[in-house]
């Protein structure tokens, strides 16, 4: 199945993900596509936390942790407890590398479907 002329640059992530899912289903490759979507969803949560979060200094030297307020159900203040997840430069770099690796894997799968894609 060949898809020509599909441009997704202006689509937001959820619409792009849904479009690629439909294309994978149409080509019969949805079982190959699903694990990538699950991993990308997990990595996208990290990406959003890093890109859009407010950060405070962590307890360990050179570390930071997300801060803010969650108001779904019970109100929860983040960034002031000792047991919260902390990030250092190595952990942030690993997360970025994981995102690139998964994007490249998805890119290769989409190319196998006949799409000329550039995700990274």
N, C-alpha and C. Protein backbone atom coordinates (compact mmCIF):
# COMPACT_ATOMS: atom_id res chain seq x y z
N UNK A 1 0.86 -1.17 0.00
CA UNK A 1 0.00 0.00 0.00
C UNK A 1 0.90 1.23 0.00
N UNK A 2 0.72 2.13 -0.93
CA UNK A 2 1.54 3.34 -1.05
C UNK A 2 0.71 4.56 -0.70
N UNK A 3 1.24 5.41 0.21
CA UNK A 3 0.59 6.66 0.59
C UNK A 3 1.47 7.80 0.10
N UNK A 4 0.97 8.60 -0.82
CA UNK A 4 1.76 9.72 -1.35
C UNK A 4 1.19 11.04 -0.89
N UNK A 5 2.06 11.99 -0.65
CA UNK A 5 1.64 13.36 -0.41
C UNK A 5 1.05 13.63 0.96
N UNK A 6 1.35 12.82 1.96
CA UNK A 6 0.81 13.02 3.29
C UNK A 6 1.76 13.92 4.09
N UNK A 7 1.29 15.07 4.51
CA UNK A 7 2.11 16.00 5.29
C UNK A 7 1.49 16.14 6.67
N UNK A 8 2.29 15.89 7.69
CA UNK A 8 1.77 15.92 9.05
C UNK A 8 2.45 16.98 9.91
N UNK A 9 3.28 17.81 9.33
CA UNK A 9 4.07 18.76 10.11
C UNK A 9 3.21 19.68 10.96
N UNK A 10 2.03 20.03 10.50
CA UNK A 10 1.18 20.97 11.23
C UNK A 10 0.22 20.28 12.20
N UNK A 11 0.24 18.94 12.22
CA UNK A 11 -0.65 18.23 13.12
C UNK A 11 -0.05 18.16 14.52
N UNK A 12 -0.90 18.31 15.52
CA UNK A 12 -0.45 18.11 16.89
C UNK A 12 -0.25 16.62 17.12
N UNK A 13 0.52 16.29 18.15
CA UNK A 13 0.90 14.90 18.41
C UNK A 13 -0.28 13.93 18.42
N UNK A 14 -1.38 14.18 19.16
CA UNK A 14 -2.46 13.18 19.19
C UNK A 14 -3.04 12.90 17.80
N UNK A 15 -3.18 13.92 16.98
CA UNK A 15 -3.73 13.72 15.64
C UNK A 15 -2.75 12.97 14.75
N UNK A 16 -1.47 13.28 14.90
CA UNK A 16 -0.44 12.59 14.13
C UNK A 16 -0.42 11.10 14.53
N UNK A 17 -0.45 10.83 15.82
CA UNK A 17 -0.45 9.45 16.33
C UNK A 17 -1.66 8.69 15.78
N UNK A 18 -2.83 9.31 15.84
CA UNK A 18 -4.05 8.65 15.38
C UNK A 18 -4.00 8.39 13.87
N UNK A 19 -3.46 9.34 13.12
CA UNK A 19 -3.34 9.16 11.67
C UNK A 19 -2.41 7.99 11.35
N UNK A 20 -1.26 7.94 12.01
CA UNK A 20 -0.33 6.83 11.78
C UNK A 20 -0.95 5.50 12.19
N UNK A 21 -1.75 5.52 13.26
CA UNK A 21 -2.42 4.29 13.70
C UNK A 21 -3.39 3.80 12.62
N UNK A 22 -4.16 4.71 12.04
CA UNK A 22 -5.10 4.34 10.97
C UNK A 22 -4.35 3.78 9.76
N UNK A 23 -3.24 4.43 9.40
CA UNK A 23 -2.45 3.94 8.27
C UNK A 23 -1.88 2.56 8.55
N UNK A 24 -1.44 2.32 9.78
CA UNK A 24 -0.92 1.00 10.14
C UNK A 24 -2.03 -0.05 10.07
N UNK A 25 -3.23 0.31 10.55
CA UNK A 25 -4.36 -0.62 10.47
C UNK A 25 -4.72 -0.91 9.02
N UNK A 26 -4.71 0.13 8.18
CA UNK A 26 -5.07 -0.04 6.78
C UNK A 26 -4.08 -0.95 6.05
N UNK A 27 -2.84 -0.94 6.51
CA UNK A 27 -1.81 -1.76 5.86
C UNK A 27 -1.68 -3.14 6.50
N UNK A 28 -2.44 -3.38 7.57
CA UNK A 28 -2.34 -4.66 8.26
C UNK A 28 -1.15 -4.74 9.21
N UNK A 29 -0.53 -3.62 9.52
CA UNK A 29 0.67 -3.60 10.38
C UNK A 29 0.38 -3.09 11.77
N UNK A 30 -0.88 -3.03 12.17
CA UNK A 30 -1.21 -2.43 13.46
C UNK A 30 -0.60 -3.19 14.64
N UNK A 31 -0.40 -4.51 14.52
CA UNK A 31 0.22 -5.26 15.62
C UNK A 31 1.70 -4.89 15.77
N UNK A 32 2.36 -4.54 14.68
CA UNK A 32 3.74 -4.06 14.76
C UNK A 32 3.80 -2.64 15.29
N UNK A 33 2.79 -1.87 14.98
CA UNK A 33 2.74 -0.45 15.34
C UNK A 33 2.42 -0.25 16.82
N UNK A 34 1.55 -1.08 17.38
CA UNK A 34 1.04 -0.90 18.75
C UNK A 34 2.14 -0.78 19.81
N UNK A 35 3.17 -1.64 19.82
CA UNK A 35 4.20 -1.51 20.86
C UNK A 35 4.93 -0.16 20.78
N UNK A 36 5.11 0.35 19.56
CA UNK A 36 5.77 1.64 19.41
C UNK A 36 4.90 2.75 19.99
N UNK A 37 3.61 2.66 19.76
CA UNK A 37 2.69 3.68 20.30
C UNK A 37 2.72 3.67 21.82
N UNK A 38 2.71 2.49 22.41
CA UNK A 38 2.75 2.39 23.87
C UNK A 38 4.02 3.04 24.41
N UNK A 39 5.15 2.73 23.80
CA UNK A 39 6.42 3.30 24.27
C UNK A 39 6.47 4.81 24.02
N UNK A 40 5.98 5.25 22.88
CA UNK A 40 5.98 6.68 22.59
C UNK A 40 5.06 7.43 23.54
N UNK A 41 3.94 6.84 23.90
CA UNK A 41 3.04 7.47 24.89
C UNK A 41 3.78 7.66 26.21
N UNK A 42 4.51 6.62 26.63
CA UNK A 42 5.26 6.71 27.89
C UNK A 42 6.33 7.80 27.78
N UNK A 43 7.06 7.80 26.68
CA UNK A 43 8.12 8.79 26.50
C UNK A 43 7.55 10.20 26.33
N UNK A 44 6.37 10.31 25.73
CA UNK A 44 5.76 11.62 25.55
C UNK A 44 5.39 12.26 26.88
N UNK A 45 5.00 11.43 27.85
CA UNK A 45 4.73 11.97 29.19
C UNK A 45 6.00 12.57 29.79
N UNK A 46 7.11 11.88 29.61
CA UNK A 46 8.39 12.41 30.08
C UNK A 46 8.73 13.69 29.33
N UNK A 47 8.56 13.68 28.02
CA UNK A 47 8.85 14.85 27.21
C UNK A 47 8.04 16.06 27.67
N UNK A 48 6.75 15.85 27.92
CA UNK A 48 5.90 16.95 28.36
C UNK A 48 6.32 17.46 29.73
N UNK A 49 6.70 16.54 30.61
CA UNK A 49 7.16 16.94 31.94
C UNK A 49 8.41 17.82 31.81
N UNK A 50 9.35 17.40 30.98
CA UNK A 50 10.60 18.14 30.81
C UNK A 50 10.35 19.47 30.09
N UNK A 51 9.58 19.43 29.02
CA UNK A 51 9.40 20.63 28.20
C UNK A 51 8.50 21.67 28.83
N UNK A 52 7.50 21.25 29.55
CA UNK A 52 6.48 22.19 30.04
C UNK A 52 6.44 22.33 31.55
N UNK A 53 7.29 21.58 32.24
CA UNK A 53 7.23 21.57 33.69
C UNK A 53 7.96 22.74 34.34
N UNK A 54 7.65 22.91 35.59
CA UNK A 54 8.37 23.83 36.46
C UNK A 54 9.26 22.94 37.31
N UNK A 55 10.52 23.31 37.46
CA UNK A 55 11.49 22.48 38.15
C UNK A 55 12.05 23.20 39.36
N UNK A 56 12.36 22.43 40.38
CA UNK A 56 13.02 22.96 41.57
C UNK A 56 14.28 22.13 41.82
N UNK A 57 15.16 22.68 42.61
CA UNK A 57 16.40 21.98 42.94
C UNK A 57 16.08 20.70 43.72
N UNK A 58 16.76 19.62 43.35
CA UNK A 58 16.59 18.35 44.05
C UNK A 58 17.48 18.27 45.28
N UNK A 59 17.37 17.19 46.01
CA UNK A 59 18.18 16.99 47.21
C UNK A 59 19.62 16.64 46.87
N UNK A 60 19.82 15.87 45.80
CA UNK A 60 21.17 15.47 45.40
C UNK A 60 21.82 16.60 44.60
N UNK A 61 23.13 16.78 44.76
CA UNK A 61 23.82 17.82 43.98
C UNK A 61 23.62 17.61 42.48
N UNK A 62 23.30 18.67 41.77
CA UNK A 62 23.12 18.60 40.32
C UNK A 62 21.80 18.00 39.87
N UNK A 63 20.86 17.85 40.78
CA UNK A 63 19.57 17.25 40.39
C UNK A 63 18.45 18.28 40.50
N UNK A 64 17.40 18.00 39.74
CA UNK A 64 16.18 18.81 39.76
C UNK A 64 15.00 17.86 39.84
N UNK A 65 13.84 18.41 40.20
CA UNK A 65 12.63 17.59 40.21
C UNK A 65 11.44 18.48 39.85
N UNK A 66 10.41 17.87 39.26
CA UNK A 66 9.23 18.65 38.87
C UNK A 66 8.52 19.22 40.10
N UNK A 67 7.98 20.39 39.93
CA UNK A 67 7.22 21.03 41.00
C UNK A 67 5.88 21.47 40.43
N UNK A 68 4.91 21.63 41.29
CA UNK A 68 3.60 22.09 40.84
C UNK A 68 2.50 21.56 41.72
N UNK A 69 1.28 21.66 41.20
CA UNK A 69 0.11 21.20 41.93
C UNK A 69 -0.72 20.34 40.99
N UNK A 70 -1.11 19.16 41.48
CA UNK A 70 -2.06 18.31 40.76
C UNK A 70 -3.39 18.47 41.47
N UNK A 71 -4.44 18.73 40.69
CA UNK A 71 -5.74 18.98 41.31
C UNK A 71 -6.80 17.98 40.84
N UNK A 72 -6.39 16.84 40.35
CA UNK A 72 -7.36 15.81 39.97
C UNK A 72 -7.67 14.96 41.18
N UNK A 73 -8.91 15.00 41.59
CA UNK A 73 -9.28 14.29 42.82
C UNK A 73 -8.72 15.02 44.02
N UNK A 74 -7.79 14.40 44.69
CA UNK A 74 -7.14 14.99 45.86
C UNK A 74 -6.04 15.97 45.40
N UNK A 75 -5.96 17.13 46.01
CA UNK A 75 -4.93 18.11 45.66
C UNK A 75 -3.58 17.59 46.15
N UNK A 76 -2.59 17.64 45.26
CA UNK A 76 -1.26 17.14 45.58
C UNK A 76 -0.24 18.19 45.18
N UNK A 77 0.62 18.58 46.10
CA UNK A 77 1.70 19.53 45.82
C UNK A 77 2.95 18.73 45.50
N UNK A 78 3.57 19.04 44.36
CA UNK A 78 4.76 18.32 43.92
C UNK A 78 6.00 19.18 44.10
N UNK A 79 7.11 18.54 44.40
CA UNK A 79 8.39 19.24 44.47
C UNK A 79 8.88 19.53 45.86
N UNK A 80 8.13 19.14 46.88
CA UNK A 80 8.57 19.46 48.24
C UNK A 80 8.77 18.22 49.12
N UNK A 81 8.58 17.03 48.56
CA UNK A 81 8.76 15.80 49.34
C UNK A 81 10.13 15.19 49.03
N UNK A 82 10.70 14.49 50.01
CA UNK A 82 12.02 13.90 49.83
C UNK A 82 12.02 12.66 48.95
N UNK A 83 10.88 12.01 48.77
CA UNK A 83 10.84 10.76 48.02
C UNK A 83 10.41 10.95 46.56
N UNK A 84 10.38 12.18 46.07
CA UNK A 84 9.96 12.41 44.68
C UNK A 84 11.12 12.16 43.71
N UNK A 85 10.74 11.79 42.49
CA UNK A 85 11.73 11.49 41.46
C UNK A 85 12.59 12.72 41.16
N UNK A 86 13.90 12.50 41.14
CA UNK A 86 14.84 13.57 40.81
C UNK A 86 15.53 13.23 39.49
N UNK A 87 15.90 14.26 38.77
CA UNK A 87 16.55 14.13 37.47
C UNK A 87 17.89 14.82 37.51
N UNK A 88 18.89 14.18 36.90
CA UNK A 88 20.17 14.85 36.71
C UNK A 88 20.44 14.86 35.20
N UNK A 89 21.57 15.43 34.80
CA UNK A 89 21.87 15.56 33.37
C UNK A 89 21.93 14.20 32.69
N UNK A 90 22.50 13.20 33.35
CA UNK A 90 22.57 11.87 32.74
C UNK A 90 21.18 11.27 32.49
N UNK A 91 20.30 11.41 33.46
CA UNK A 91 18.95 10.86 33.31
C UNK A 91 18.18 11.59 32.21
N UNK A 92 18.34 12.91 32.14
CA UNK A 92 17.69 13.68 31.07
C UNK A 92 18.24 13.27 29.70
N UNK A 93 19.55 13.07 29.61
CA UNK A 93 20.16 12.65 28.34
C UNK A 93 19.69 11.26 27.94
N UNK A 94 19.57 10.35 28.91
CA UNK A 94 19.07 9.00 28.60
C UNK A 94 17.63 9.06 28.07
N UNK A 95 16.82 9.88 28.70
CA UNK A 95 15.42 10.03 28.24
C UNK A 95 15.39 10.56 26.82
N UNK A 96 16.23 11.54 26.52
CA UNK A 96 16.27 12.10 25.16
C UNK A 96 16.74 11.04 24.16
N UNK A 97 17.75 10.26 24.53
CA UNK A 97 18.22 9.19 23.63
C UNK A 97 17.14 8.15 23.40
N UNK A 98 16.41 7.79 24.46
CA UNK A 98 15.32 6.82 24.32
C UNK A 98 14.27 7.33 23.34
N UNK A 99 13.97 8.63 23.41
CA UNK A 99 12.99 9.22 22.50
C UNK A 99 13.47 9.14 21.06
N UNK A 100 14.74 9.43 20.82
CA UNK A 100 15.29 9.37 19.47
C UNK A 100 15.28 7.95 18.94
N UNK A 101 15.69 6.99 19.77
CA UNK A 101 15.71 5.58 19.35
C UNK A 101 14.31 5.11 18.98
N UNK A 102 13.33 5.44 19.80
CA UNK A 102 11.96 4.99 19.51
C UNK A 102 11.39 5.71 18.29
N UNK A 103 11.70 6.99 18.13
CA UNK A 103 11.24 7.71 16.94
C UNK A 103 11.85 7.11 15.68
N UNK A 104 13.12 6.72 15.74
CA UNK A 104 13.75 6.09 14.58
C UNK A 104 13.14 4.73 14.28
N UNK A 105 12.81 3.97 15.31
CA UNK A 105 12.17 2.67 15.10
C UNK A 105 10.80 2.84 14.45
N UNK A 106 10.04 3.82 14.94
CA UNK A 106 8.73 4.09 14.35
C UNK A 106 8.88 4.60 12.92
N UNK A 107 9.86 5.45 12.71
CA UNK A 107 10.13 5.97 11.37
C UNK A 107 10.41 4.82 10.40
N UNK A 108 11.22 3.87 10.81
CA UNK A 108 11.53 2.72 9.95
C UNK A 108 10.29 1.89 9.66
N UNK A 109 9.45 1.68 10.67
CA UNK A 109 8.21 0.93 10.45
C UNK A 109 7.31 1.67 9.45
N UNK A 110 7.18 2.98 9.62
CA UNK A 110 6.33 3.75 8.71
C UNK A 110 6.91 3.74 7.29
N UNK A 111 8.22 3.75 7.17
CA UNK A 111 8.84 3.64 5.84
C UNK A 111 8.52 2.29 5.21
N UNK A 112 8.53 1.24 6.05
CA UNK A 112 8.17 -0.08 5.54
C UNK A 112 6.73 -0.12 5.03
N UNK A 113 5.89 0.79 5.55
CA UNK A 113 4.50 0.90 5.08
C UNK A 113 4.39 1.72 3.80
N UNK A 114 5.52 2.27 3.34
CA UNK A 114 5.51 3.06 2.12
C UNK A 114 5.44 4.55 2.35
N UNK A 115 5.63 4.99 3.59
CA UNK A 115 5.58 6.42 3.88
C UNK A 115 6.99 7.00 3.92
N UNK A 116 7.17 8.17 3.35
CA UNK A 116 8.45 8.87 3.43
C UNK A 116 8.34 9.81 4.62
N UNK A 117 8.88 9.39 5.76
CA UNK A 117 8.70 10.13 7.00
C UNK A 117 10.04 10.59 7.55
N UNK A 118 9.98 11.67 8.32
CA UNK A 118 11.14 12.21 9.01
C UNK A 118 10.66 12.67 10.38
N UNK A 119 10.85 11.82 11.40
CA UNK A 119 10.37 12.11 12.75
C UNK A 119 11.43 12.73 13.63
N UNK A 120 12.70 12.53 13.30
CA UNK A 120 13.77 13.04 14.16
C UNK A 120 14.46 14.22 13.53
